[in-house]
């Protein structure tokens, strides 16, 4: 499987030596995947999620991908939209969330 043959990258956002946000990414056979965006609820609304996504996008560019994709929750959609992602599916229910959708960002 191609996904298993790529290295994952991990990003963290620290404030006063405390990790308050994380994301990761890895190559797939159809682009680079941003996966696992999380920001501590006490620090949301400060642009941390956007900065983590921008770091992930930069990594995708550095690895020569021309597209990055993700599967965000509806509640975090504005964070993705604000850094250039576009919806690529309707919203649907998953095992872990009430609403998710595929989104892409062409690089």
C-alpha atoms as a PDB file:
ATOM      1  CA  UNK A   1       0.000   0.000   0.000  1.00  0.00           C
ATOM      2  CA  UNK A   2       1.394   3.391  -1.000  1.00  0.00           C
ATOM      3  CA  UNK A   3       0.165   5.112   2.161  1.00  0.00           C
ATOM      4  CA  UNK A   4       2.229   2.736   4.270  1.00  0.00           C
ATOM      5  CA  UNK A   5       5.397   3.508   2.315  1.00  0.00           C
ATOM      6  CA  UNK A   6       5.466   7.257   3.039  1.00  0.00           C
ATOM      7  CA  UNK A   7       6.827   8.958   6.118  1.00  0.00           C
ATOM      8  CA  UNK A   8       4.432  10.872   8.324  1.00  0.00           C
ATOM      9  CA  UNK A   9       5.163  14.391   9.513  1.00  0.00           C
ATOM     10  CA  UNK A  10       4.005  15.680  12.886  1.00  0.00           C
ATOM     11  CA  UNK A  11       3.431  19.299  13.888  1.00  0.00           C
ATOM     12  CA  UNK A  12       2.905  20.776  17.319  1.00  0.00           C
ATOM     13  CA  UNK A  13       2.101  24.247  18.587  1.00  0.00           C
ATOM     14  CA  UNK A  14       3.579  25.099  21.985  1.00  0.00           C
ATOM     15  CA  UNK A  15       2.759  27.912  24.385  1.00  0.00           C
ATOM     16  CA  UNK A  16       4.943  28.113  27.510  1.00  0.00           C
ATOM     17  CA  UNK A  17       6.243  24.584  26.868  1.00  0.00           C
ATOM     18  CA  UNK A  18       2.696  23.174  26.710  1.00  0.00           C
ATOM     19  CA  UNK A  19       1.464  21.528  23.517  1.00  0.00           C
ATOM     20  CA  UNK A  20      -1.831  23.275  22.722  1.00  0.00           C
ATOM     21  CA  UNK A  21      -2.313  22.038  19.147  1.00  0.00           C
ATOM     22  CA  UNK A  22      -1.210  19.254  16.816  1.00  0.00           C
ATOM     23  CA  UNK A  23      -1.596  17.992  13.270  1.00  0.00           C
ATOM     24  CA  UNK A  24       0.029  15.399  11.070  1.00  0.00           C
ATOM     25  CA  UNK A  25       0.313  14.618   7.403  1.00  0.00           C
ATOM     26  CA  UNK A  26       1.482  11.916   5.032  1.00  0.00           C
ATOM     27  CA  UNK A  27       1.582  11.114   1.364  1.00  0.00           C
ATOM     28  CA  UNK A  28      -1.149   9.044  -0.237  1.00  0.00           C
ATOM     29  CA  UNK A  29      -1.606   7.716  -3.742  1.00  0.00           C
ATOM     30  CA  UNK A  30      -3.908  10.652  -4.538  1.00  0.00           C
ATOM     31  CA  UNK A  31      -2.168  13.543  -2.769  1.00  0.00           C
ATOM     32  CA  UNK A  32      -0.968  14.558   0.675  1.00  0.00           C
ATOM     33  CA  UNK A  33      -3.315  13.984   3.611  1.00  0.00           C
ATOM     34  CA  UNK A  34      -3.697  16.348   6.544  1.00  0.00           C
ATOM     35  CA  UNK A  35      -4.843  14.250   9.475  1.00  0.00           C
ATOM     36  CA  UNK A  36      -5.541  14.779  13.143  1.00  0.00           C
ATOM     37  CA  UNK A  37      -5.865  18.534  13.540  1.00  0.00           C
ATOM     38  CA  UNK A  38      -6.590  19.308  17.200  1.00  0.00           C
ATOM     39  CA  UNK A  39      -6.363  22.480  19.260  1.00  0.00           C
ATOM     40  CA  UNK A  40      -6.946  22.590  23.017  1.00  0.00           C
ATOM     41  CA  UNK A  41     -10.405  24.145  23.519  1.00  0.00           C
ATOM     42  CA  UNK A  42      -8.920  26.845  25.779  1.00  0.00           C
ATOM     43  CA  UNK A  43      -6.788  28.080  22.840  1.00  0.00           C
ATOM     44  CA  UNK A  44      -9.274  27.867  19.971  1.00  0.00           C
ATOM     45  CA  UNK A  45     -10.051  30.986  17.985  1.00  0.00           C
ATOM     46  CA  UNK A  46      -6.438  32.218  18.089  1.00  0.00           C
ATOM     47  CA  UNK A  47      -5.404  30.997  14.623  1.00  0.00           C
ATOM     48  CA  UNK A  48      -3.416  28.028  15.926  1.00  0.00           C
ATOM     49  CA  UNK A  49      -5.314  25.554  13.747  1.00  0.00           C
ATOM     50  CA  UNK A  50      -4.637  27.681  10.683  1.00  0.00           C
ATOM     51  CA  UNK A  51      -0.921  27.833  11.489  1.00  0.00           C
ATOM     52  CA  UNK A  52      -0.791  24.064  11.901  1.00  0.00           C
ATOM     53  CA  UNK A  53      -2.579  23.573   8.575  1.00  0.00           C
ATOM     54  CA  UNK A  54      -0.208  26.016   6.866  1.00  0.00           C
ATOM     55  CA  UNK A  55       2.762  24.015   8.197  1.00  0.00           C
ATOM     56  CA  UNK A  56       1.168  20.832   6.834  1.00  0.00           C
ATOM     57  CA  UNK A  57       0.544  22.485   3.454  1.00  0.00           C
ATOM     58  CA  UNK A  58       4.185  23.613   3.364  1.00  0.00           C
ATOM     59  CA  UNK A  59       5.290  20.027   4.027  1.00  0.00           C
ATOM     60  CA  UNK A  60       3.109  18.791   1.152  1.00  0.00           C
ATOM     61  CA  UNK A  61       4.748  21.348  -1.160  1.00  0.00           C
ATOM     62  CA  UNK A  62       8.213  20.324   0.084  1.00  0.00           C
ATOM     63  CA  UNK A  63       7.364  16.708  -0.772  1.00  0.00           C
ATOM     64  CA  UNK A  64       6.255  17.776  -4.280  1.00  0.00           C
ATOM     65  CA  UNK A  65       2.550  17.059  -3.950  1.00  0.00           C
ATOM     66  CA  UNK A  66       0.140  19.174  -5.995  1.00  0.00           C
ATOM     67  CA  UNK A  67      -2.866  18.607  -3.747  1.00  0.00           C
ATOM     68  CA  UNK A  68      -3.587  18.177  -0.049  1.00  0.00           C
ATOM     69  CA  UNK A  69      -6.803  16.682   1.288  1.00  0.00           C
ATOM     70  CA  UNK A  70      -8.490  16.129   4.615  1.00  0.00           C
ATOM     71  CA  UNK A  71     -11.683  14.965   6.283  1.00  0.00           C
ATOM     72  CA  UNK A  72     -12.516  17.733   8.784  1.00  0.00           C
ATOM     73  CA  UNK A  73     -15.397  17.874  11.191  1.00  0.00           C
ATOM     74  CA  UNK A  74     -18.079  20.408  10.402  1.00  0.00           C
ATOM     75  CA  UNK A  75     -17.167  22.345  13.556  1.00  0.00           C
ATOM     76  CA  UNK A  76     -13.624  22.963  12.261  1.00  0.00           C
ATOM     77  CA  UNK A  77     -14.517  23.673   8.634  1.00  0.00           C
ATOM     78  CA  UNK A  78     -13.889  27.440   8.848  1.00  0.00           C
ATOM     79  CA  UNK A  79     -10.283  26.785   9.873  1.00  0.00           C
ATOM     80  CA  UNK A  80      -9.712  24.736   6.717  1.00  0.00           C
ATOM     81  CA  UNK A  81     -11.623  27.154   4.500  1.00  0.00           C
ATOM     82  CA  UNK A  82      -9.576  30.095   5.796  1.00  0.00           C
ATOM     83  CA  UNK A  83      -6.333  28.543   4.512  1.00  0.00           C
ATOM     84  CA  UNK A  84      -7.709  27.665   1.071  1.00  0.00           C
ATOM     85  CA  UNK A  85      -9.379  24.267   1.322  1.00  0.00           C
ATOM     86  CA  UNK A  86     -12.544  23.682  -0.716  1.00  0.00           C
ATOM     87  CA  UNK A  87     -15.294  21.154  -0.047  1.00  0.00           C
ATOM     88  CA  UNK A  88     -15.149  18.099  -2.298  1.00  0.00           C
ATOM     89  CA  UNK A  89     -18.153  16.199  -0.893  1.00  0.00           C
ATOM     90  CA  UNK A  90     -21.348  16.660   1.014  1.00  0.00           C
ATOM     91  CA  UNK A  91     -21.300  16.404   4.812  1.00  0.00           C
ATOM     92  CA  UNK A  92     -21.821  12.881   6.167  1.00  0.00           C
ATOM     93  CA  UNK A  93     -21.876  11.088   9.503  1.00  0.00           C
ATOM     94  CA  UNK A  94     -18.938   8.905  10.597  1.00  0.00           C
ATOM     95  CA  UNK A  95     -18.321   6.609  13.553  1.00  0.00           C
ATOM     96  CA  UNK A  96     -16.499   9.348  15.445  1.00  0.00           C
ATOM     97  CA  UNK A  97     -18.274  12.527  14.384  1.00  0.00           C
ATOM     98  CA  UNK A  98     -21.707  13.824  13.519  1.00  0.00           C
ATOM     99  CA  UNK A  99     -20.549  15.604  10.362  1.00  0.00           C
ATOM    100  CA  UNK A 100     -17.448  15.264   8.165  1.00  0.00           C
ATOM    101  CA  UNK A 101     -16.697  16.083   4.536  1.00  0.00           C
ATOM    102  CA  UNK A 102     -13.792  15.613   2.158  1.00  0.00           C
ATOM    103  CA  UNK A 103     -11.950  18.807   1.319  1.00  0.00           C
ATOM    104  CA  UNK A 104      -8.999  19.574  -0.937  1.00  0.00           C
ATOM    105  CA  UNK A 105      -6.490  22.348  -1.464  1.00  0.00           C
ATOM    106  CA  UNK A 106      -4.697  22.474  -4.807  1.00  0.00           C
ATOM    107  CA  UNK A 107      -1.053  23.484  -4.444  1.00  0.00           C
END
